[in-house]
N, C-alpha and C. Protein backbone atom coordinates (compact mmCIF):
# COMPACT_ATOMS: atom_id res chain seq x y z
N MET A 1 39.72 150.14 164.46
CA MET A 1 39.85 149.34 165.68
C MET A 1 41.31 148.97 165.91
N ASP A 2 41.77 149.15 167.14
CA ASP A 2 43.16 148.84 167.45
C ASP A 2 43.39 147.33 167.37
N PRO A 3 44.57 146.92 166.91
CA PRO A 3 44.86 145.47 166.84
C PRO A 3 44.92 144.86 168.24
N ASP A 4 44.54 143.61 168.32
CA ASP A 4 44.59 142.89 169.59
C ASP A 4 46.00 142.37 169.77
N LEU A 5 46.72 142.92 170.71
CA LEU A 5 48.13 142.59 170.92
C LEU A 5 48.34 141.52 171.98
N ARG A 6 47.28 140.95 172.48
CA ARG A 6 47.42 139.90 173.48
C ARG A 6 48.03 138.64 172.86
N PRO A 7 48.64 137.78 173.69
CA PRO A 7 49.10 136.48 173.19
C PRO A 7 47.92 135.69 172.61
N ASP A 8 48.21 134.86 171.62
CA ASP A 8 47.16 134.08 170.97
C ASP A 8 46.39 133.22 171.96
N ALA A 9 47.08 132.65 172.96
CA ALA A 9 46.40 131.78 173.93
C ALA A 9 45.36 132.57 174.72
N ALA A 10 45.66 133.81 175.03
CA ALA A 10 44.70 134.64 175.77
C ALA A 10 43.48 134.94 174.91
N ILE A 11 43.70 135.19 173.63
CA ILE A 11 42.59 135.46 172.72
C ILE A 11 41.72 134.20 172.58
N ARG A 12 42.36 133.03 172.47
CA ARG A 12 41.60 131.79 172.36
C ARG A 12 40.81 131.52 173.64
N LEU A 13 41.38 131.86 174.79
CA LEU A 13 40.68 131.66 176.05
C LEU A 13 39.40 132.49 176.09
N GLU A 14 39.48 133.74 175.67
CA GLU A 14 38.29 134.58 175.64
C GLU A 14 37.26 134.03 174.65
N THR A 15 37.73 133.57 173.49
CA THR A 15 36.83 132.99 172.49
C THR A 15 36.11 131.78 173.05
N ALA A 16 36.85 130.90 173.72
CA ALA A 16 36.25 129.69 174.28
C ALA A 16 35.22 130.03 175.35
N ARG A 17 35.54 131.02 176.17
CA ARG A 17 34.60 131.43 177.22
C ARG A 17 33.29 131.95 176.62
N LYS A 18 33.38 132.78 175.61
CA LYS A 18 32.18 133.33 174.98
C LYS A 18 31.38 132.25 174.26
N LYS A 19 32.08 131.34 173.58
CA LYS A 19 31.39 130.26 172.89
C LYS A 19 30.69 129.32 173.87
N ARG A 20 31.23 129.24 175.08
CA ARG A 20 30.61 128.39 176.11
C ARG A 20 29.35 129.03 176.68
N GLY A 21 29.13 130.32 176.35
CA GLY A 21 27.90 130.98 176.76
C GLY A 21 28.06 132.00 177.87
N PHE A 22 29.30 132.31 178.26
CA PHE A 22 29.53 133.29 179.32
C PHE A 22 29.91 134.62 178.68
N ARG A 23 29.04 135.61 178.84
CA ARG A 23 29.28 136.90 178.21
C ARG A 23 30.47 137.64 178.79
N SER A 24 30.72 137.42 180.08
CA SER A 24 31.80 138.15 180.75
C SER A 24 32.68 137.19 181.52
N ALA A 25 33.91 137.64 181.79
CA ALA A 25 34.82 136.85 182.61
C ALA A 25 34.24 136.65 184.01
N LYS A 26 33.57 137.67 184.53
CA LYS A 26 32.97 137.58 185.86
C LYS A 26 31.92 136.47 185.92
N ALA A 27 31.11 136.34 184.87
CA ALA A 27 30.09 135.29 184.85
C ALA A 27 30.74 133.91 184.88
N ALA A 28 31.84 133.74 184.17
CA ALA A 28 32.52 132.44 184.14
C ALA A 28 33.14 132.09 185.48
N VAL A 29 33.85 133.04 186.09
CA VAL A 29 34.52 132.73 187.36
C VAL A 29 33.50 132.52 188.48
N ASP A 30 32.39 133.22 188.44
CA ASP A 30 31.36 133.01 189.44
C ASP A 30 30.76 131.60 189.31
N TYR A 31 30.58 131.16 188.07
CA TYR A 31 29.99 129.84 187.83
C TYR A 31 30.94 128.72 188.25
N PHE A 32 32.22 128.86 187.92
CA PHE A 32 33.18 127.78 188.18
C PHE A 32 33.92 127.93 189.51
N GLY A 33 33.78 129.08 190.17
CA GLY A 33 34.44 129.27 191.46
C GLY A 33 35.92 129.59 191.35
N TRP A 34 36.34 130.21 190.27
CA TRP A 34 37.73 130.56 190.09
C TRP A 34 38.04 131.93 190.70
N SER A 35 39.32 132.24 190.77
CA SER A 35 39.76 133.57 191.20
C SER A 35 39.59 134.54 190.04
N TYR A 36 38.83 135.60 190.28
CA TYR A 36 38.61 136.57 189.19
C TYR A 36 39.90 137.28 188.78
N PRO A 37 40.71 137.81 189.72
CA PRO A 37 41.94 138.50 189.29
C PRO A 37 42.85 137.59 188.46
N THR A 38 42.98 136.33 188.88
CA THR A 38 43.86 135.41 188.14
C THR A 38 43.32 135.16 186.75
N TYR A 39 42.02 134.84 186.66
CA TYR A 39 41.45 134.55 185.35
C TYR A 39 41.53 135.78 184.44
N LYS A 40 41.21 136.94 184.97
CA LYS A 40 41.24 138.16 184.16
C LYS A 40 42.63 138.40 183.61
N GLN A 41 43.65 138.14 184.41
CA GLN A 41 45.02 138.31 183.93
C GLN A 41 45.35 137.32 182.82
N HIS A 42 44.75 136.12 182.90
CA HIS A 42 44.97 135.14 181.85
C HIS A 42 44.33 135.61 180.54
N GLU A 43 43.11 136.15 180.62
CA GLU A 43 42.46 136.64 179.40
C GLU A 43 43.16 137.89 178.86
N GLN A 44 43.70 138.69 179.74
CA GLN A 44 44.39 139.91 179.30
C GLN A 44 45.79 139.61 178.76
N GLY A 45 46.26 138.38 178.99
CA GLY A 45 47.59 138.01 178.52
C GLY A 45 48.71 138.46 179.42
N ILE A 46 48.36 138.95 180.62
CA ILE A 46 49.38 139.38 181.57
C ILE A 46 50.14 138.19 182.13
N ARG A 47 49.42 137.10 182.32
CA ARG A 47 50.02 135.85 182.80
C ARG A 47 49.72 134.75 181.81
N GLY A 48 50.66 133.83 181.65
CA GLY A 48 50.44 132.68 180.78
C GLY A 48 49.43 131.71 181.38
N ILE A 49 48.77 130.94 180.53
CA ILE A 49 47.71 130.05 181.03
C ILE A 49 48.18 128.60 181.17
N GLY A 50 49.48 128.36 180.99
CA GLY A 50 49.99 127.00 180.95
C GLY A 50 49.47 126.08 182.04
N ARG A 51 49.62 126.46 183.32
CA ARG A 51 49.22 125.59 184.42
C ARG A 51 47.71 125.45 184.55
N ALA A 52 46.98 126.44 184.07
CA ALA A 52 45.51 126.41 184.20
C ALA A 52 44.82 125.93 182.93
N ALA A 53 45.59 125.62 181.89
CA ALA A 53 45.00 125.31 180.59
C ALA A 53 44.06 124.10 180.66
N ALA A 54 44.47 123.06 181.38
CA ALA A 54 43.63 121.86 181.46
C ALA A 54 42.29 122.18 182.12
N LYS A 55 42.33 122.98 183.17
CA LYS A 55 41.10 123.36 183.89
C LYS A 55 40.18 124.17 182.98
N TYR A 56 40.74 125.12 182.28
CA TYR A 56 39.93 125.96 181.39
C TYR A 56 39.39 125.15 180.22
N ALA A 57 40.21 124.27 179.69
CA ALA A 57 39.78 123.46 178.56
C ALA A 57 38.58 122.59 178.93
N LYS A 58 38.63 121.98 180.09
CA LYS A 58 37.51 121.14 180.54
C LYS A 58 36.25 121.98 180.75
N ALA A 59 36.41 123.14 181.36
CA ALA A 59 35.25 123.99 181.65
C ALA A 59 34.61 124.52 180.38
N PHE A 60 35.43 124.89 179.40
CA PHE A 60 34.91 125.52 178.19
C PHE A 60 34.72 124.54 177.04
N ARG A 61 34.99 123.26 177.32
CA ARG A 61 34.73 122.17 176.36
C ARG A 61 35.52 122.33 175.08
N VAL A 62 36.79 122.60 175.25
CA VAL A 62 37.73 122.61 174.13
C VAL A 62 38.92 121.75 174.55
N SER A 63 39.83 121.49 173.62
CA SER A 63 41.00 120.71 173.98
C SER A 63 42.08 121.61 174.57
N GLU A 64 42.88 121.03 175.45
CA GLU A 64 43.98 121.79 176.05
C GLU A 64 44.97 122.23 174.98
N GLY A 65 45.19 121.35 174.00
CA GLY A 65 46.11 121.68 172.92
C GLY A 65 45.65 122.89 172.12
N TRP A 66 44.33 122.99 171.89
CA TRP A 66 43.82 124.14 171.13
C TRP A 66 44.02 125.43 171.91
N LEU A 67 43.76 125.40 173.22
CA LEU A 67 43.96 126.60 174.03
C LEU A 67 45.42 127.07 173.97
N LEU A 68 46.35 126.12 174.05
CA LEU A 68 47.76 126.49 174.14
C LEU A 68 48.38 126.81 172.79
N THR A 69 48.00 126.06 171.75
CA THR A 69 48.70 126.18 170.47
C THR A 69 47.79 126.50 169.28
N GLY A 70 46.48 126.35 169.46
CA GLY A 70 45.57 126.53 168.34
C GLY A 70 45.32 125.27 167.55
N GLU A 71 45.97 124.18 167.93
CA GLU A 71 45.77 122.90 167.25
C GLU A 71 44.90 121.99 168.11
N GLY A 72 44.03 121.23 167.45
CA GLY A 72 43.13 120.36 168.19
C GLY A 72 41.71 120.87 168.12
N ASP A 73 40.91 120.43 169.06
CA ASP A 73 39.47 120.73 169.04
C ASP A 73 39.18 122.07 169.70
N GLY A 74 38.76 123.02 168.91
CA GLY A 74 38.34 124.32 169.42
C GLY A 74 36.86 124.34 169.70
N PRO A 75 36.31 125.50 170.01
CA PRO A 75 34.88 125.60 170.30
C PRO A 75 34.04 125.30 169.07
N GLY A 76 32.99 124.53 169.26
CA GLY A 76 32.11 124.18 168.16
C GLY A 76 31.02 125.22 167.95
N PRO A 77 30.06 124.89 167.09
CA PRO A 77 28.97 125.83 166.84
C PRO A 77 28.12 126.04 168.08
N THR A 78 27.52 127.20 168.20
CA THR A 78 26.66 127.51 169.33
C THR A 78 25.32 128.04 168.84
N VAL A 79 24.31 127.96 169.71
CA VAL A 79 23.00 128.52 169.40
C VAL A 79 22.56 129.39 170.57
N PRO A 80 21.74 130.41 170.31
CA PRO A 80 21.27 131.29 171.39
C PRO A 80 20.19 130.63 172.22
N ILE A 81 20.21 130.88 173.53
CA ILE A 81 19.17 130.41 174.43
C ILE A 81 18.16 131.54 174.61
N VAL A 82 16.92 131.29 174.23
CA VAL A 82 15.87 132.30 174.37
C VAL A 82 14.79 131.76 175.30
N SER A 83 13.96 132.64 175.80
CA SER A 83 12.85 132.23 176.64
C SER A 83 11.63 131.93 175.78
N PHE A 84 10.62 131.30 176.36
CA PHE A 84 9.39 131.04 175.62
C PHE A 84 8.73 132.35 175.19
N THR A 85 8.82 133.37 176.05
CA THR A 85 8.25 134.67 175.68
C THR A 85 8.96 135.23 174.46
N GLN A 86 10.28 135.17 174.47
CA GLN A 86 11.04 135.65 173.32
C GLN A 86 10.77 134.81 172.09
N ALA A 87 10.62 133.49 172.29
CA ALA A 87 10.38 132.60 171.16
C ALA A 87 9.10 132.97 170.43
N GLY A 88 8.06 133.33 171.19
CA GLY A 88 6.80 133.72 170.57
C GLY A 88 6.96 134.92 169.66
N LYS A 89 7.88 135.80 170.03
CA LYS A 89 8.11 137.01 169.22
C LYS A 89 8.96 136.72 168.00
N LEU A 90 9.51 135.50 167.92
CA LEU A 90 10.35 135.15 166.79
C LEU A 90 9.56 134.50 165.66
N SER A 91 8.25 134.46 165.81
CA SER A 91 7.41 133.91 164.75
C SER A 91 7.47 134.81 163.52
N PRO A 92 7.22 134.24 162.34
CA PRO A 92 7.17 135.09 161.14
C PRO A 92 6.09 136.16 161.32
N PRO A 93 6.24 137.38 160.78
CA PRO A 93 7.34 137.76 159.89
C PRO A 93 8.55 138.32 160.61
N ASN A 94 8.51 138.41 161.97
CA ASN A 94 9.66 138.95 162.71
C ASN A 94 10.90 138.10 162.42
N GLY A 95 10.84 136.90 162.95
CA GLY A 95 11.78 135.86 162.54
C GLY A 95 13.20 136.00 163.00
N TYR A 96 13.83 137.13 162.83
CA TYR A 96 15.28 137.24 162.99
C TYR A 96 15.69 137.26 164.45
N VAL A 97 16.78 136.57 164.76
CA VAL A 97 17.35 136.63 166.10
C VAL A 97 18.83 136.93 165.99
N GLU A 98 19.28 137.95 166.69
CA GLU A 98 20.69 138.31 166.71
C GLU A 98 21.37 137.56 167.85
N SER A 99 22.22 136.60 167.51
CA SER A 99 22.80 135.71 168.51
C SER A 99 23.58 136.46 169.58
N ASP A 100 24.20 137.59 169.22
CA ASP A 100 25.02 138.32 170.18
C ASP A 100 24.19 138.88 171.34
N GLU A 101 22.87 138.92 171.19
CA GLU A 101 22.02 139.47 172.23
C GLU A 101 21.68 138.43 173.30
N PHE A 102 22.06 137.18 173.08
CA PHE A 102 21.67 136.10 173.99
C PHE A 102 22.89 135.32 174.47
N VAL A 103 22.73 134.68 175.64
CA VAL A 103 23.69 133.66 176.06
C VAL A 103 23.59 132.51 175.07
N THR A 104 24.71 131.89 174.74
CA THR A 104 24.69 130.79 173.78
C THR A 104 25.14 129.49 174.44
N ILE A 105 24.89 128.38 173.76
CA ILE A 105 25.29 127.08 174.26
C ILE A 105 25.86 126.27 173.11
N PRO A 106 26.93 125.47 173.36
CA PRO A 106 27.48 124.64 172.29
C PRO A 106 26.43 123.68 171.74
N ALA A 107 26.48 123.46 170.44
CA ALA A 107 25.46 122.63 169.80
C ALA A 107 26.06 121.81 168.67
N GLY A 108 27.12 121.09 168.96
CA GLY A 108 27.74 120.26 167.93
C GLY A 108 26.83 119.13 167.48
N GLY A 109 26.95 118.78 166.21
CA GLY A 109 26.21 117.64 165.69
C GLY A 109 24.84 117.95 165.16
N LEU A 110 24.37 119.18 165.31
CA LEU A 110 23.06 119.52 164.76
C LEU A 110 23.17 119.72 163.25
N PRO A 111 22.16 119.28 162.49
CA PRO A 111 22.19 119.52 161.04
C PRO A 111 22.02 120.99 160.73
N HIS A 112 22.22 121.34 159.48
CA HIS A 112 22.08 122.73 159.07
C HIS A 112 20.66 123.22 159.35
N GLY A 113 20.55 124.43 159.85
CA GLY A 113 19.23 124.99 160.13
C GLY A 113 19.35 126.34 160.80
N ASP A 114 18.23 126.84 161.24
CA ASP A 114 18.15 128.11 161.96
C ASP A 114 17.74 127.77 163.38
N TRP A 115 18.72 127.65 164.27
CA TRP A 115 18.51 127.02 165.57
C TRP A 115 18.41 128.04 166.70
N ILE A 116 17.53 127.74 167.65
CA ILE A 116 17.49 128.39 168.95
C ILE A 116 17.34 127.30 170.00
N ALA A 117 17.72 127.61 171.23
CA ALA A 117 17.49 126.70 172.36
C ALA A 117 16.57 127.39 173.35
N ILE A 118 15.70 126.60 173.99
CA ILE A 118 14.73 127.15 174.94
C ILE A 118 14.78 126.30 176.21
N ARG A 119 14.80 126.96 177.36
CA ARG A 119 14.76 126.28 178.65
C ARG A 119 13.32 125.87 178.97
N VAL A 120 13.10 124.59 179.22
CA VAL A 120 11.75 124.07 179.44
C VAL A 120 11.26 124.45 180.84
N GLN A 121 10.03 124.92 180.91
CA GLN A 121 9.38 125.23 182.18
C GLN A 121 8.16 124.32 182.33
N GLY A 122 7.94 123.84 183.53
CA GLY A 122 6.77 123.01 183.77
C GLY A 122 6.98 121.56 183.33
N ASP A 123 5.96 120.74 183.61
CA ASP A 123 6.10 119.30 183.40
C ASP A 123 5.20 118.75 182.29
N SER A 124 4.72 119.60 181.42
CA SER A 124 3.78 119.13 180.41
C SER A 124 4.43 118.23 179.35
N MET A 125 5.78 118.23 179.28
CA MET A 125 6.49 117.37 178.33
C MET A 125 7.57 116.56 179.02
N ASP A 126 7.37 116.26 180.31
CA ASP A 126 8.46 115.69 181.09
C ASP A 126 8.82 114.26 180.72
N LEU A 127 8.01 113.58 179.92
CA LEU A 127 8.39 112.25 179.46
C LEU A 127 9.57 112.32 178.49
N PHE A 128 9.75 113.45 177.87
CA PHE A 128 10.87 113.65 176.94
C PHE A 128 11.80 114.77 177.38
N SER A 129 11.24 115.81 178.00
CA SER A 129 12.03 116.99 178.36
C SER A 129 11.64 117.44 179.76
N PRO A 130 12.38 117.00 180.79
CA PRO A 130 12.05 117.39 182.16
C PRO A 130 12.18 118.90 182.36
N PRO A 131 11.52 119.44 183.38
CA PRO A 131 11.68 120.87 183.68
C PRO A 131 13.15 121.23 183.86
N GLY A 132 13.55 122.33 183.26
CA GLY A 132 14.93 122.77 183.35
C GLY A 132 15.80 122.31 182.20
N SER A 133 15.33 121.34 181.41
CA SER A 133 16.11 120.89 180.27
C SER A 133 16.07 121.92 179.15
N LEU A 134 16.95 121.76 178.20
CA LEU A 134 16.98 122.63 177.03
C LEU A 134 16.47 121.86 175.82
N ILE A 135 15.64 122.50 175.03
CA ILE A 135 15.23 121.92 173.76
C ILE A 135 15.85 122.74 172.64
N PHE A 136 16.29 122.06 171.59
CA PHE A 136 16.89 122.71 170.44
C PHE A 136 15.87 122.72 169.31
N VAL A 137 15.56 123.90 168.85
CA VAL A 137 14.44 124.12 167.93
C VAL A 137 14.97 124.63 166.60
N ASN A 138 14.64 123.90 165.53
CA ASN A 138 15.05 124.31 164.19
C ASN A 138 13.94 125.13 163.55
N ARG A 139 14.15 126.43 163.46
CA ARG A 139 13.12 127.32 162.91
C ARG A 139 13.01 127.21 161.39
N SER A 140 13.88 126.41 160.78
CA SER A 140 13.75 126.17 159.35
C SER A 140 12.69 125.11 159.05
N GLU A 141 12.28 124.38 160.07
CA GLU A 141 11.29 123.32 159.88
C GLU A 141 9.95 123.79 160.45
N ARG A 142 9.05 124.19 159.58
CA ARG A 142 7.76 124.71 160.03
C ARG A 142 6.59 123.94 159.43
N GLU A 143 6.87 122.86 158.75
CA GLU A 143 5.79 122.04 158.21
C GLU A 143 5.36 121.02 159.25
N ALA A 144 4.07 121.00 159.58
CA ALA A 144 3.56 120.12 160.63
C ALA A 144 3.59 118.66 160.17
N VAL A 145 4.29 117.83 160.92
CA VAL A 145 4.38 116.40 160.66
C VAL A 145 3.74 115.65 161.81
N ASP A 146 2.83 114.76 161.52
CA ASP A 146 2.13 114.03 162.57
C ASP A 146 3.12 113.28 163.46
N GLY A 147 3.02 113.50 164.76
CA GLY A 147 3.88 112.83 165.73
C GLY A 147 5.16 113.55 166.07
N ALA A 148 5.47 114.62 165.35
CA ALA A 148 6.70 115.36 165.62
C ALA A 148 6.47 116.38 166.73
N PHE A 149 7.57 116.92 167.25
CA PHE A 149 7.54 117.85 168.38
C PHE A 149 7.83 119.27 167.88
N TYR A 150 7.07 120.22 168.39
CA TYR A 150 7.20 121.59 167.91
C TYR A 150 7.06 122.60 169.05
N VAL A 151 7.63 123.78 168.82
CA VAL A 151 7.27 124.96 169.59
C VAL A 151 6.36 125.78 168.69
N VAL A 152 5.16 126.08 169.17
CA VAL A 152 4.17 126.78 168.37
C VAL A 152 3.62 127.96 169.17
N THR A 153 2.99 128.88 168.44
CA THR A 153 2.28 129.97 169.08
C THR A 153 0.80 129.61 169.13
N THR A 154 0.22 129.64 170.31
CA THR A 154 -1.17 129.25 170.49
C THR A 154 -2.11 130.40 170.15
N ASP A 155 -3.41 130.15 170.24
CA ASP A 155 -4.41 131.16 169.89
C ASP A 155 -4.27 132.43 170.73
N ASP A 156 -3.79 132.29 171.96
CA ASP A 156 -3.65 133.46 172.82
C ASP A 156 -2.31 134.18 172.65
N GLY A 157 -1.52 133.73 171.68
CA GLY A 157 -0.26 134.40 171.38
C GLY A 157 0.93 133.92 172.17
N GLU A 158 0.74 132.92 173.05
CA GLU A 158 1.83 132.40 173.86
C GLU A 158 2.51 131.23 173.14
N ALA A 159 3.82 131.07 173.37
CA ALA A 159 4.54 129.94 172.80
C ALA A 159 4.41 128.74 173.72
N THR A 160 4.31 127.55 173.13
CA THR A 160 4.23 126.32 173.90
C THR A 160 4.95 125.21 173.16
N TYR A 161 5.38 124.21 173.90
CA TYR A 161 6.11 123.06 173.36
C TYR A 161 5.23 121.83 173.52
N LYS A 162 4.86 121.22 172.40
CA LYS A 162 3.97 120.06 172.44
C LYS A 162 4.26 119.13 171.25
N ARG A 163 3.59 117.97 171.29
CA ARG A 163 3.64 117.03 170.17
C ARG A 163 2.43 117.29 169.26
N TYR A 164 2.69 117.36 167.97
CA TYR A 164 1.61 117.64 167.01
C TYR A 164 0.93 116.35 166.57
N ARG A 165 -0.40 116.38 166.56
CA ARG A 165 -1.19 115.26 166.04
C ARG A 165 -2.27 115.82 165.10
N LYS A 166 -2.60 115.03 164.09
CA LYS A 166 -3.64 115.45 163.15
C LYS A 166 -4.83 114.49 163.22
N ASP A 167 -5.93 114.92 162.60
CA ASP A 167 -7.16 114.09 162.51
C ASP A 167 -7.67 113.64 163.87
N PRO A 168 -8.15 114.53 164.72
CA PRO A 168 -8.21 115.99 164.52
C PRO A 168 -6.89 116.66 164.90
N GLU A 169 -6.67 117.86 164.35
CA GLU A 169 -5.45 118.59 164.64
C GLU A 169 -5.43 119.01 166.10
N ARG A 170 -4.31 118.70 166.77
CA ARG A 170 -4.21 119.01 168.20
C ARG A 170 -2.75 119.03 168.61
N LEU A 171 -2.51 119.62 169.78
CA LEU A 171 -1.19 119.66 170.40
C LEU A 171 -1.26 118.86 171.68
N GLU A 172 -0.50 117.78 171.76
CA GLU A 172 -0.63 116.88 172.90
C GLU A 172 0.55 117.01 173.85
N PRO A 173 0.27 117.03 175.15
CA PRO A 173 1.35 116.94 176.13
C PRO A 173 1.88 115.52 176.19
N GLU A 174 3.10 115.37 176.63
CA GLU A 174 3.70 114.05 176.88
C GLU A 174 4.22 114.08 178.30
N SER A 175 3.31 113.79 179.25
CA SER A 175 3.61 114.10 180.64
C SER A 175 3.18 113.00 181.59
N THR A 176 3.88 112.93 182.71
CA THR A 176 3.45 112.06 183.81
C THR A 176 2.30 112.68 184.58
N ASN A 177 2.06 113.96 184.35
CA ASN A 177 0.99 114.68 185.04
C ASN A 177 -0.27 114.65 184.17
N ARG A 178 -1.26 113.88 184.57
CA ARG A 178 -2.47 113.69 183.76
C ARG A 178 -3.37 114.92 183.74
N ASP A 179 -3.03 115.94 184.51
CA ASP A 179 -3.83 117.16 184.49
C ASP A 179 -3.66 117.94 183.17
N HIS A 180 -2.56 117.68 182.46
CA HIS A 180 -2.33 118.37 181.20
C HIS A 180 -3.20 117.74 180.11
N LYS A 181 -3.87 118.59 179.35
CA LYS A 181 -4.78 118.12 178.31
C LYS A 181 -4.33 118.61 176.94
N ALA A 182 -4.80 117.93 175.92
CA ALA A 182 -4.49 118.33 174.55
C ALA A 182 -5.10 119.70 174.24
N ILE A 183 -4.42 120.45 173.39
CA ILE A 183 -4.89 121.75 172.93
C ILE A 183 -5.42 121.59 171.51
N TYR A 184 -6.66 122.02 171.28
CA TYR A 184 -7.26 121.97 169.94
C TYR A 184 -7.29 123.39 169.38
N PRO A 185 -6.40 123.73 168.47
CA PRO A 185 -6.33 125.12 167.97
C PRO A 185 -7.60 125.54 167.26
N ARG A 186 -7.99 126.78 167.49
CA ARG A 186 -9.17 127.33 166.81
C ARG A 186 -8.79 128.03 165.50
N SER A 187 -7.52 128.28 165.32
CA SER A 187 -7.04 128.95 164.11
C SER A 187 -5.79 128.22 163.61
N PRO A 188 -5.35 128.49 162.39
CA PRO A 188 -4.16 127.81 161.86
C PRO A 188 -2.95 127.99 162.78
N LEU A 189 -2.17 126.92 162.93
CA LEU A 189 -1.01 126.96 163.81
C LEU A 189 0.08 127.87 163.26
N THR A 190 0.72 128.59 164.16
CA THR A 190 1.94 129.31 163.82
C THR A 190 3.10 128.54 164.43
N ILE A 191 3.82 127.82 163.60
CA ILE A 191 4.91 126.98 164.08
C ILE A 191 6.20 127.79 164.13
N ILE A 192 6.80 127.85 165.30
CA ILE A 192 8.08 128.54 165.47
C ILE A 192 9.21 127.66 164.97
N GLY A 193 9.14 126.37 165.26
CA GLY A 193 10.16 125.45 164.77
C GLY A 193 9.97 124.07 165.35
N ARG A 194 10.67 123.12 164.76
CA ARG A 194 10.59 121.72 165.18
C ARG A 194 11.67 121.41 166.21
N VAL A 195 11.30 120.73 167.27
CA VAL A 195 12.24 120.35 168.32
C VAL A 195 12.96 119.08 167.88
N ARG A 196 14.28 119.16 167.88
CA ARG A 196 15.08 118.03 167.41
C ARG A 196 15.99 117.43 168.47
N ARG A 197 16.17 118.12 169.60
CA ARG A 197 17.08 117.59 170.63
C ARG A 197 16.65 118.12 171.98
N THR A 198 16.80 117.27 173.00
CA THR A 198 16.65 117.69 174.39
C THR A 198 17.97 117.47 175.11
N LEU A 199 18.36 118.43 175.92
CA LEU A 199 19.59 118.32 176.71
C LEU A 199 19.24 118.52 178.16
N TYR A 200 19.64 117.56 179.02
CA TYR A 200 19.33 117.66 180.43
C TYR A 200 20.54 117.25 181.25
N ASP A 201 20.97 118.12 182.15
CA ASP A 201 22.07 117.82 183.06
C ASP A 201 21.49 117.41 184.40
N PHE A 202 21.85 116.22 184.88
CA PHE A 202 21.36 115.77 186.17
C PHE A 202 21.92 116.67 187.28
N PRO A 203 21.12 116.99 188.28
CA PRO A 203 21.59 117.86 189.37
C PRO A 203 22.69 117.21 190.17
N GLY A 204 23.57 118.04 190.68
CA GLY A 204 24.67 117.53 191.51
C GLY A 204 25.84 117.04 190.71
């Protein structure tokens, strides 16, 4: 592999963009409304990023000092965002997820584990996780604890996010919509992982 001869700041800019979850420069500029030719030249090292460093640092959630000099707060740990359909396929014995195949999101402060993030659909858990929010799921935690929150595979093979209750064993919704009912599994639960965090950005 040929050595990367770009300026260090350009390399850090690309790293920050990828860690923020944007696979391509085009995806980032479309999201933030930047000029693609200008941004691309910054990542290629054709132009210095000095005047734009503050803007990029805020967008990619790193410090301006780190972008310019490598000192300060760089990009933190990230986890892959998967769909509920994909999550169901991650049950044992499959298990493995290659992070490079997914968009990722920063996840600082999470304890050690095997983490994925899932975008919530529907309102069955809206008291804790409104539609559109992200839940962070630790696949290292598969022991059912009464009252804890899990993503599990149901009898029909679909993944769902619910609160676990025992005696009798059931999966309960936590919703403002009373149409949602508890699920009583007919077979042993396949737990994908325990939900430990919800992230929700208010619209606008």
